């Protein structure tokens, strides 16, 4: 991300640090997707069991949550993740548009929405607009569809 912030965007593909960085990120996403698909196919957990084996879920709370949801006016079709967010395609589980949007929000959402609360002082509207524009371009370069690119 430092490269994205400190390097000028260029049209040329030669010696383009940002493009090289974005290609690395896309490669990492692909490698993670392929590794997770392999683990799922081998019936392995995506997260090492030792990391959460001492965690106890509040079963009563989740049962109450499920009952409230089932008794709500929310249609049953809207109670589940849309298939587009969870289905596998091809030979690997790709990084979904929804996942990219949530990651993008985690990286820029609060800074744009609450700059003063995060002690981003002296940022003018034009600065925040430029920041959002950079992330809109980065999101597009990483394969985000416009409808999910929250920076737009």
N, C-alpha and C. Protein backbone atom coordinates (compact mmCIF):
# COMPACT_ATOMS: atom_id res chain seq x y z
N UNK A 1 0.82 -1.20 0.00
CA UNK A 1 0.00 0.00 0.00
C UNK A 1 0.86 1.25 0.00
N UNK A 2 2.04 1.18 0.62
CA UNK A 2 2.93 2.33 0.58
C UNK A 2 3.28 2.68 -0.86
N UNK A 3 3.51 1.68 -1.66
CA UNK A 3 3.81 1.93 -3.08
C UNK A 3 2.65 2.67 -3.74
N UNK A 4 1.43 2.27 -3.44
CA UNK A 4 0.27 2.90 -4.04
C UNK A 4 0.14 4.36 -3.62
N UNK A 5 0.54 4.66 -2.40
CA UNK A 5 0.43 6.02 -1.88
C UNK A 5 1.59 6.91 -2.29
N UNK A 6 2.78 6.33 -2.44
CA UNK A 6 3.96 7.16 -2.63
C UNK A 6 4.48 7.20 -4.06
N UNK A 7 3.85 6.48 -4.96
CA UNK A 7 4.32 6.42 -6.34
C UNK A 7 3.29 7.06 -7.25
N UNK A 8 3.76 7.73 -8.26
CA UNK A 8 2.85 8.37 -9.22
C UNK A 8 2.25 7.30 -10.14
N UNK A 9 0.96 7.43 -10.41
CA UNK A 9 0.32 6.56 -11.39
C UNK A 9 0.88 6.88 -12.77
N UNK A 10 1.15 5.87 -13.55
CA UNK A 10 1.70 6.05 -14.89
C UNK A 10 0.85 5.30 -15.90
N UNK A 11 0.81 5.80 -17.11
CA UNK A 11 0.13 5.09 -18.17
C UNK A 11 1.03 3.98 -18.72
N UNK A 12 2.32 4.18 -18.69
CA UNK A 12 3.26 3.21 -19.23
C UNK A 12 3.31 1.96 -18.38
N UNK A 13 3.42 0.79 -19.01
CA UNK A 13 3.54 -0.46 -18.28
C UNK A 13 4.98 -0.75 -17.89
N UNK A 14 5.94 -0.05 -18.49
CA UNK A 14 7.35 -0.28 -18.20
C UNK A 14 7.74 0.44 -16.91
N UNK A 15 8.43 -0.27 -16.03
CA UNK A 15 8.89 0.27 -14.75
C UNK A 15 7.75 0.93 -13.97
N UNK A 16 6.58 0.32 -14.03
CA UNK A 16 5.41 0.86 -13.34
C UNK A 16 5.27 0.13 -11.99
N UNK A 17 5.74 0.80 -10.93
CA UNK A 17 5.75 0.18 -9.61
C UNK A 17 4.34 -0.17 -9.12
N UNK A 18 3.39 0.71 -9.38
CA UNK A 18 2.02 0.46 -8.93
C UNK A 18 1.45 -0.75 -9.64
N UNK A 19 1.62 -0.83 -10.94
CA UNK A 19 1.12 -1.97 -11.70
C UNK A 19 1.77 -3.26 -11.21
N UNK A 20 3.06 -3.24 -10.99
CA UNK A 20 3.77 -4.43 -10.49
C UNK A 20 3.21 -4.83 -9.12
N UNK A 21 2.97 -3.85 -8.26
CA UNK A 21 2.43 -4.12 -6.94
C UNK A 21 1.03 -4.71 -7.03
N UNK A 22 0.19 -4.14 -7.88
CA UNK A 22 -1.17 -4.64 -8.05
C UNK A 22 -1.17 -6.07 -8.58
N UNK A 23 -0.25 -6.35 -9.50
CA UNK A 23 -0.14 -7.72 -10.03
C UNK A 23 0.29 -8.69 -8.93
N UNK A 24 1.18 -8.24 -8.04
CA UNK A 24 1.58 -9.08 -6.90
C UNK A 24 0.38 -9.35 -5.99
N UNK A 25 -0.41 -8.32 -5.71
CA UNK A 25 -1.57 -8.48 -4.84
C UNK A 25 -2.57 -9.45 -5.48
N UNK A 26 -2.83 -9.27 -6.77
CA UNK A 26 -3.74 -10.20 -7.45
C UNK A 26 -3.20 -11.62 -7.40
N UNK A 27 -1.88 -11.77 -7.55
CA UNK A 27 -1.27 -13.08 -7.46
C UNK A 27 -1.42 -13.70 -6.07
N UNK A 28 -1.27 -12.87 -5.03
CA UNK A 28 -1.46 -13.35 -3.67
C UNK A 28 -2.92 -13.77 -3.43
N UNK A 29 -3.85 -12.99 -3.96
CA UNK A 29 -5.26 -13.35 -3.84
C UNK A 29 -5.52 -14.70 -4.51
N UNK A 30 -4.99 -14.87 -5.70
CA UNK A 30 -5.17 -16.12 -6.44
C UNK A 30 -4.55 -17.29 -5.68
N UNK A 31 -3.34 -17.12 -5.16
CA UNK A 31 -2.67 -18.18 -4.42
C UNK A 31 -3.48 -18.55 -3.16
N UNK A 32 -4.00 -17.54 -2.46
CA UNK A 32 -4.81 -17.81 -1.27
C UNK A 32 -6.10 -18.54 -1.65
N UNK A 33 -6.70 -18.14 -2.75
CA UNK A 33 -7.93 -18.80 -3.21
C UNK A 33 -7.66 -20.25 -3.57
N UNK A 34 -6.58 -20.50 -4.27
CA UNK A 34 -6.24 -21.87 -4.66
C UNK A 34 -5.92 -22.71 -3.43
N UNK A 35 -5.19 -22.16 -2.48
CA UNK A 35 -4.84 -22.90 -1.26
C UNK A 35 -6.09 -23.22 -0.44
N UNK A 36 -7.00 -22.25 -0.33
CA UNK A 36 -8.22 -22.50 0.45
C UNK A 36 -9.09 -23.55 -0.23
N UNK A 37 -9.16 -23.51 -1.55
CA UNK A 37 -9.95 -24.51 -2.27
C UNK A 37 -9.36 -25.90 -2.06
N UNK A 38 -8.04 -25.98 -2.10
CA UNK A 38 -7.37 -27.27 -1.89
C UNK A 38 -7.67 -27.80 -0.49
N UNK A 39 -7.58 -26.92 0.52
CA UNK A 39 -7.87 -27.35 1.89
C UNK A 39 -9.31 -27.79 2.04
N UNK A 40 -10.24 -27.06 1.40
CA UNK A 40 -11.65 -27.45 1.48
C UNK A 40 -11.88 -28.79 0.80
N UNK A 41 -11.24 -29.00 -0.35
CA UNK A 41 -11.38 -30.26 -1.08
C UNK A 41 -10.84 -31.43 -0.27
N UNK A 42 -9.83 -31.18 0.54
CA UNK A 42 -9.24 -32.22 1.38
C UNK A 42 -9.93 -32.30 2.73
N UNK A 43 -11.05 -31.59 2.86
CA UNK A 43 -11.86 -31.58 4.09
C UNK A 43 -11.08 -31.06 5.29
N UNK A 44 -10.17 -30.15 5.04
CA UNK A 44 -9.41 -29.53 6.12
C UNK A 44 -10.06 -28.20 6.47
N UNK A 45 -9.81 -27.76 7.68
CA UNK A 45 -10.28 -26.45 8.11
C UNK A 45 -9.40 -25.38 7.48
N UNK A 46 -10.00 -24.25 7.12
CA UNK A 46 -9.22 -23.15 6.56
C UNK A 46 -8.36 -22.48 7.62
N UNK A 47 -8.80 -22.56 8.87
CA UNK A 47 -8.08 -21.95 9.98
C UNK A 47 -7.60 -23.06 10.89
N UNK A 48 -6.37 -22.99 11.33
CA UNK A 48 -5.82 -24.01 12.21
C UNK A 48 -6.68 -24.14 13.45
N UNK A 49 -7.12 -25.34 13.74
CA UNK A 49 -8.02 -25.60 14.86
C UNK A 49 -7.44 -25.09 16.18
N UNK A 50 -6.14 -25.17 16.34
CA UNK A 50 -5.50 -24.73 17.59
C UNK A 50 -5.77 -23.26 17.88
N UNK A 51 -6.05 -22.47 16.86
CA UNK A 51 -6.29 -21.04 17.07
C UNK A 51 -7.62 -20.77 17.76
N UNK A 52 -8.57 -21.69 17.64
CA UNK A 52 -9.87 -21.41 18.22
C UNK A 52 -10.43 -22.55 19.05
N UNK A 53 -9.64 -23.58 19.33
CA UNK A 53 -10.17 -24.72 20.07
C UNK A 53 -10.55 -24.37 21.51
N UNK A 54 -9.95 -23.34 22.09
CA UNK A 54 -10.29 -22.95 23.46
C UNK A 54 -11.44 -21.93 23.51
N UNK A 55 -11.97 -21.55 22.35
CA UNK A 55 -13.07 -20.59 22.30
C UNK A 55 -14.40 -21.31 22.47
N UNK A 56 -15.24 -20.77 23.33
CA UNK A 56 -16.56 -21.37 23.56
C UNK A 56 -17.62 -20.43 23.01
N UNK A 57 -18.46 -20.97 22.13
CA UNK A 57 -19.54 -20.18 21.58
C UNK A 57 -20.69 -20.10 22.58
N UNK A 58 -21.40 -19.00 22.55
CA UNK A 58 -22.59 -18.85 23.37
C UNK A 58 -23.75 -19.47 22.58
N UNK A 59 -23.94 -20.77 22.78
CA UNK A 59 -24.95 -21.51 22.01
C UNK A 59 -26.36 -20.95 22.23
N UNK A 60 -26.68 -20.54 23.47
CA UNK A 60 -28.01 -20.00 23.75
C UNK A 60 -28.25 -18.70 22.98
N UNK A 61 -27.22 -17.85 22.93
CA UNK A 61 -27.35 -16.58 22.20
C UNK A 61 -27.60 -16.85 20.72
N UNK A 62 -26.82 -17.77 20.12
CA UNK A 62 -27.00 -18.06 18.70
C UNK A 62 -28.33 -18.73 18.42
N UNK A 63 -28.82 -19.57 19.34
CA UNK A 63 -30.14 -20.19 19.16
C UNK A 63 -31.23 -19.11 19.19
N UNK A 64 -31.10 -18.15 20.12
CA UNK A 64 -32.08 -17.06 20.19
C UNK A 64 -32.01 -16.19 18.93
N UNK A 65 -30.79 -15.93 18.45
CA UNK A 65 -30.62 -15.15 17.23
C UNK A 65 -31.29 -15.85 16.05
N UNK A 66 -31.08 -17.17 15.93
CA UNK A 66 -31.67 -17.94 14.84
C UNK A 66 -33.20 -17.92 14.93
N UNK A 67 -33.73 -18.07 16.14
CA UNK A 67 -35.19 -18.06 16.33
C UNK A 67 -35.76 -16.69 15.95
N UNK A 68 -35.10 -15.62 16.40
CA UNK A 68 -35.57 -14.27 16.04
C UNK A 68 -35.56 -14.07 14.53
N UNK A 69 -34.52 -14.54 13.88
CA UNK A 69 -34.42 -14.39 12.44
C UNK A 69 -35.52 -15.17 11.73
N UNK A 70 -35.77 -16.40 12.18
CA UNK A 70 -36.80 -17.23 11.55
C UNK A 70 -38.20 -16.67 11.78
N UNK A 71 -38.40 -15.97 12.90
CA UNK A 71 -39.72 -15.39 13.21
C UNK A 71 -39.88 -13.98 12.66
N UNK A 72 -38.86 -13.47 12.01
CA UNK A 72 -38.93 -12.11 11.48
C UNK A 72 -39.70 -12.07 10.16
N UNK A 73 -39.90 -10.86 9.67
CA UNK A 73 -40.56 -10.67 8.38
C UNK A 73 -39.57 -10.73 7.22
N UNK A 74 -38.32 -11.02 7.51
CA UNK A 74 -37.31 -11.10 6.46
C UNK A 74 -37.54 -12.38 5.68
N UNK A 75 -37.72 -12.29 4.35
CA UNK A 75 -37.94 -13.50 3.56
C UNK A 75 -36.79 -14.49 3.72
N UNK A 76 -37.12 -15.77 3.68
CA UNK A 76 -36.11 -16.82 3.87
C UNK A 76 -34.96 -16.68 2.87
N UNK A 77 -35.27 -16.24 1.66
CA UNK A 77 -34.22 -16.09 0.64
C UNK A 77 -33.23 -14.99 0.99
N UNK A 78 -33.64 -14.04 1.82
CA UNK A 78 -32.75 -12.94 2.21
C UNK A 78 -31.98 -13.22 3.49
N UNK A 79 -32.21 -14.37 4.09
CA UNK A 79 -31.54 -14.70 5.34
C UNK A 79 -30.19 -15.38 5.14
N UNK A 80 -29.89 -15.74 3.91
CA UNK A 80 -28.64 -16.42 3.62
C UNK A 80 -27.76 -15.53 2.76
N UNK A 81 -26.44 -15.81 2.79
CA UNK A 81 -25.55 -15.10 1.88
C UNK A 81 -25.97 -15.41 0.46
N UNK A 82 -26.00 -14.41 -0.41
CA UNK A 82 -26.29 -14.71 -1.81
C UNK A 82 -25.27 -15.71 -2.36
N UNK A 83 -25.74 -16.60 -3.22
CA UNK A 83 -24.88 -17.64 -3.78
C UNK A 83 -23.64 -17.05 -4.42
N UNK A 84 -23.78 -15.86 -5.02
CA UNK A 84 -22.64 -15.22 -5.68
C UNK A 84 -21.50 -14.95 -4.71
N UNK A 85 -21.80 -14.81 -3.42
CA UNK A 85 -20.75 -14.51 -2.44
C UNK A 85 -20.04 -15.76 -1.96
N UNK A 86 -20.68 -16.92 -2.10
CA UNK A 86 -20.14 -18.12 -1.48
C UNK A 86 -19.87 -19.27 -2.43
N UNK A 87 -20.42 -19.27 -3.62
CA UNK A 87 -20.29 -20.43 -4.51
C UNK A 87 -18.89 -20.55 -5.08
N UNK A 88 -18.50 -21.77 -5.38
CA UNK A 88 -17.21 -22.01 -6.02
C UNK A 88 -17.40 -22.03 -7.52
N UNK A 89 -16.43 -21.51 -8.22
CA UNK A 89 -16.45 -21.52 -9.68
C UNK A 89 -15.09 -22.02 -10.14
N UNK A 90 -15.10 -22.78 -11.20
CA UNK A 90 -13.83 -23.22 -11.76
C UNK A 90 -13.07 -24.11 -10.82
N UNK A 91 -11.76 -23.98 -10.82
CA UNK A 91 -10.90 -24.87 -10.04
C UNK A 91 -10.47 -24.26 -8.72
N UNK A 92 -10.88 -23.06 -8.42
CA UNK A 92 -10.51 -22.45 -7.14
C UNK A 92 -11.62 -21.54 -6.67
N UNK A 93 -11.57 -21.24 -5.41
CA UNK A 93 -12.55 -20.35 -4.79
C UNK A 93 -12.03 -18.93 -4.94
N UNK A 94 -12.54 -18.15 -5.87
CA UNK A 94 -11.98 -16.82 -6.10
C UNK A 94 -12.35 -15.84 -4.98
N UNK A 95 -11.62 -14.75 -4.93
CA UNK A 95 -11.96 -13.67 -4.01
C UNK A 95 -13.20 -13.00 -4.59
N UNK A 96 -14.24 -12.98 -3.83
CA UNK A 96 -15.54 -12.47 -4.29
C UNK A 96 -15.57 -10.94 -4.28
N UNK A 97 -16.46 -10.40 -5.09
CA UNK A 97 -16.67 -8.95 -5.13
C UNK A 97 -17.04 -8.42 -3.75
N UNK A 98 -17.91 -9.14 -3.06
CA UNK A 98 -18.33 -8.73 -1.72
C UNK A 98 -17.14 -8.66 -0.77
N UNK A 99 -16.27 -9.68 -0.84
CA UNK A 99 -15.08 -9.68 0.01
C UNK A 99 -14.18 -8.50 -0.30
N UNK A 100 -14.04 -8.20 -1.58
CA UNK A 100 -13.21 -7.06 -1.96
C UNK A 100 -13.83 -5.76 -1.45
N UNK A 101 -15.14 -5.64 -1.55
CA UNK A 101 -15.80 -4.42 -1.08
C UNK A 101 -15.64 -4.24 0.43
N UNK A 102 -15.77 -5.34 1.17
CA UNK A 102 -15.61 -5.25 2.63
C UNK A 102 -14.17 -4.91 3.00
N UNK A 103 -13.22 -5.46 2.27
CA UNK A 103 -11.82 -5.14 2.52
C UNK A 103 -11.54 -3.67 2.18
N UNK A 104 -12.07 -3.22 1.06
CA UNK A 104 -11.88 -1.83 0.66
C UNK A 104 -12.49 -0.90 1.72
N UNK A 105 -13.65 -1.25 2.22
CA UNK A 105 -14.28 -0.43 3.26
C UNK A 105 -13.41 -0.40 4.51
N UNK A 106 -12.88 -1.55 4.90
CA UNK A 106 -12.03 -1.60 6.09
C UNK A 106 -10.79 -0.74 5.92
N UNK A 107 -10.29 -0.63 4.69
CA UNK A 107 -9.08 0.14 4.45
C UNK A 107 -9.32 1.64 4.30
N UNK A 108 -10.49 2.04 3.79
CA UNK A 108 -10.68 3.48 3.54
C UNK A 108 -11.97 4.06 4.09
N UNK A 109 -12.93 3.22 4.43
CA UNK A 109 -14.25 3.71 4.82
C UNK A 109 -14.25 4.68 5.97
N UNK A 110 -13.59 4.29 7.06
CA UNK A 110 -13.61 5.14 8.25
C UNK A 110 -12.84 6.44 8.06
N UNK A 111 -11.74 6.35 7.31
CA UNK A 111 -10.95 7.56 7.07
C UNK A 111 -11.76 8.61 6.32
N UNK A 112 -12.57 8.15 5.37
CA UNK A 112 -13.37 9.08 4.57
C UNK A 112 -14.59 9.56 5.34
N UNK A 113 -15.23 8.65 6.08
CA UNK A 113 -16.44 9.01 6.80
C UNK A 113 -16.18 9.81 8.08
N UNK A 114 -15.10 9.47 8.79
CA UNK A 114 -14.84 10.09 10.09
C UNK A 114 -13.39 10.57 10.22
N UNK A 115 -12.94 11.43 9.32
CA UNK A 115 -11.53 11.81 9.37
C UNK A 115 -11.13 12.48 10.69
N UNK A 116 -11.96 13.34 11.24
CA UNK A 116 -11.59 14.06 12.47
C UNK A 116 -11.51 13.11 13.67
N UNK A 117 -12.41 12.13 13.72
CA UNK A 117 -12.38 11.16 14.82
C UNK A 117 -11.11 10.31 14.77
N UNK A 118 -10.55 10.17 13.58
CA UNK A 118 -9.32 9.39 13.43
C UNK A 118 -8.09 10.29 13.42
N UNK A 119 -8.29 11.54 13.80
CA UNK A 119 -7.21 12.53 13.88
C UNK A 119 -6.54 12.78 12.54
N UNK A 120 -7.34 12.69 11.48
CA UNK A 120 -6.87 13.10 10.15
C UNK A 120 -7.26 14.57 10.06
N UNK A 121 -6.35 15.41 10.52
CA UNK A 121 -6.65 16.82 10.66
C UNK A 121 -6.16 17.59 9.45
N UNK A 122 -6.90 18.59 9.08
CA UNK A 122 -6.50 19.44 7.97
C UNK A 122 -6.84 18.88 6.60
N UNK A 123 -7.53 17.74 6.57
CA UNK A 123 -7.91 17.17 5.28
C UNK A 123 -9.12 17.93 4.74
N UNK A 124 -8.95 18.48 3.58
CA UNK A 124 -10.04 19.20 2.90
C UNK A 124 -10.90 18.20 2.13
N UNK A 125 -12.07 18.63 1.70
CA UNK A 125 -12.94 17.76 0.89
C UNK A 125 -12.22 17.27 -0.36
N UNK A 126 -11.41 18.14 -0.96
CA UNK A 126 -10.67 17.75 -2.17
C UNK A 126 -9.67 16.64 -1.87
N UNK A 127 -9.05 16.68 -0.68
CA UNK A 127 -8.10 15.64 -0.28
C UNK A 127 -8.80 14.30 -0.14
N UNK A 128 -9.96 14.31 0.54
CA UNK A 128 -10.72 13.08 0.72
C UNK A 128 -11.24 12.55 -0.62
N UNK A 129 -11.64 13.47 -1.49
CA UNK A 129 -12.10 13.07 -2.83
C UNK A 129 -10.95 12.40 -3.59
N UNK A 130 -9.76 12.98 -3.50
CA UNK A 130 -8.60 12.40 -4.19
C UNK A 130 -8.26 11.03 -3.62
N UNK A 131 -8.37 10.89 -2.31
CA UNK A 131 -8.11 9.61 -1.65
C UNK A 131 -9.11 8.56 -2.14
N UNK A 132 -10.39 8.93 -2.18
CA UNK A 132 -11.41 8.01 -2.68
C UNK A 132 -11.16 7.67 -4.14
N UNK A 133 -10.76 8.65 -4.92
CA UNK A 133 -10.50 8.42 -6.34
C UNK A 133 -9.35 7.42 -6.52
N UNK A 134 -8.29 7.57 -5.74
CA UNK A 134 -7.18 6.62 -5.80
C UNK A 134 -7.69 5.22 -5.53
N UNK A 135 -8.51 5.07 -4.49
CA UNK A 135 -9.01 3.74 -4.14
C UNK A 135 -10.02 3.21 -5.16
N UNK A 136 -10.74 4.10 -5.82
CA UNK A 136 -11.62 3.65 -6.90
C UNK A 136 -10.80 3.05 -8.04
N UNK A 137 -9.69 3.70 -8.37
CA UNK A 137 -8.80 3.21 -9.42
C UNK A 137 -8.15 1.90 -8.99
N UNK A 138 -7.66 1.84 -7.74
CA UNK A 138 -7.04 0.62 -7.24
C UNK A 138 -8.04 -0.54 -7.22
N UNK A 139 -9.25 -0.25 -6.78
CA UNK A 139 -10.29 -1.29 -6.77
C UNK A 139 -10.56 -1.82 -8.16
N UNK A 140 -10.66 -0.91 -9.11
CA UNK A 140 -10.87 -1.31 -10.50
C UNK A 140 -9.70 -2.16 -10.99
N UNK A 141 -8.48 -1.73 -10.66
CA UNK A 141 -7.29 -2.46 -11.11
C UNK A 141 -7.21 -3.84 -10.48
N UNK A 142 -7.79 -4.01 -9.30
CA UNK A 142 -7.79 -5.31 -8.65
C UNK A 142 -8.98 -6.18 -9.06
N UNK A 143 -9.79 -5.68 -10.00
CA UNK A 143 -10.86 -6.49 -10.55
C UNK A 143 -12.23 -6.26 -9.95
N UNK A 144 -12.42 -5.17 -9.22
CA UNK A 144 -13.73 -4.91 -8.63
C UNK A 144 -14.71 -4.37 -9.67
N UNK A 145 -15.93 -4.90 -9.63
CA UNK A 145 -16.99 -4.34 -10.47
C UNK A 145 -17.42 -3.00 -9.87
N UNK A 146 -17.86 -2.08 -10.70
CA UNK A 146 -18.24 -0.75 -10.22
C UNK A 146 -19.31 -0.80 -9.14
N UNK A 147 -20.25 -1.74 -9.24
CA UNK A 147 -21.33 -1.77 -8.26
C UNK A 147 -20.84 -2.14 -6.86
N UNK A 148 -19.67 -2.75 -6.75
CA UNK A 148 -19.12 -3.11 -5.44
C UNK A 148 -18.01 -2.16 -5.00
N UNK A 149 -17.52 -1.32 -5.89
CA UNK A 149 -16.40 -0.43 -5.58
C UNK A 149 -16.92 0.74 -4.77
N UNK A 150 -16.79 0.64 -3.46
CA UNK A 150 -17.39 1.65 -2.58
C UNK A 150 -16.71 3.01 -2.72
N UNK A 151 -15.52 3.05 -3.27
CA UNK A 151 -14.83 4.32 -3.44
C UNK A 151 -15.48 5.15 -4.56
N UNK A 152 -16.28 4.52 -5.37
CA UNK A 152 -16.99 5.29 -6.40
C UNK A 152 -18.15 6.03 -5.80
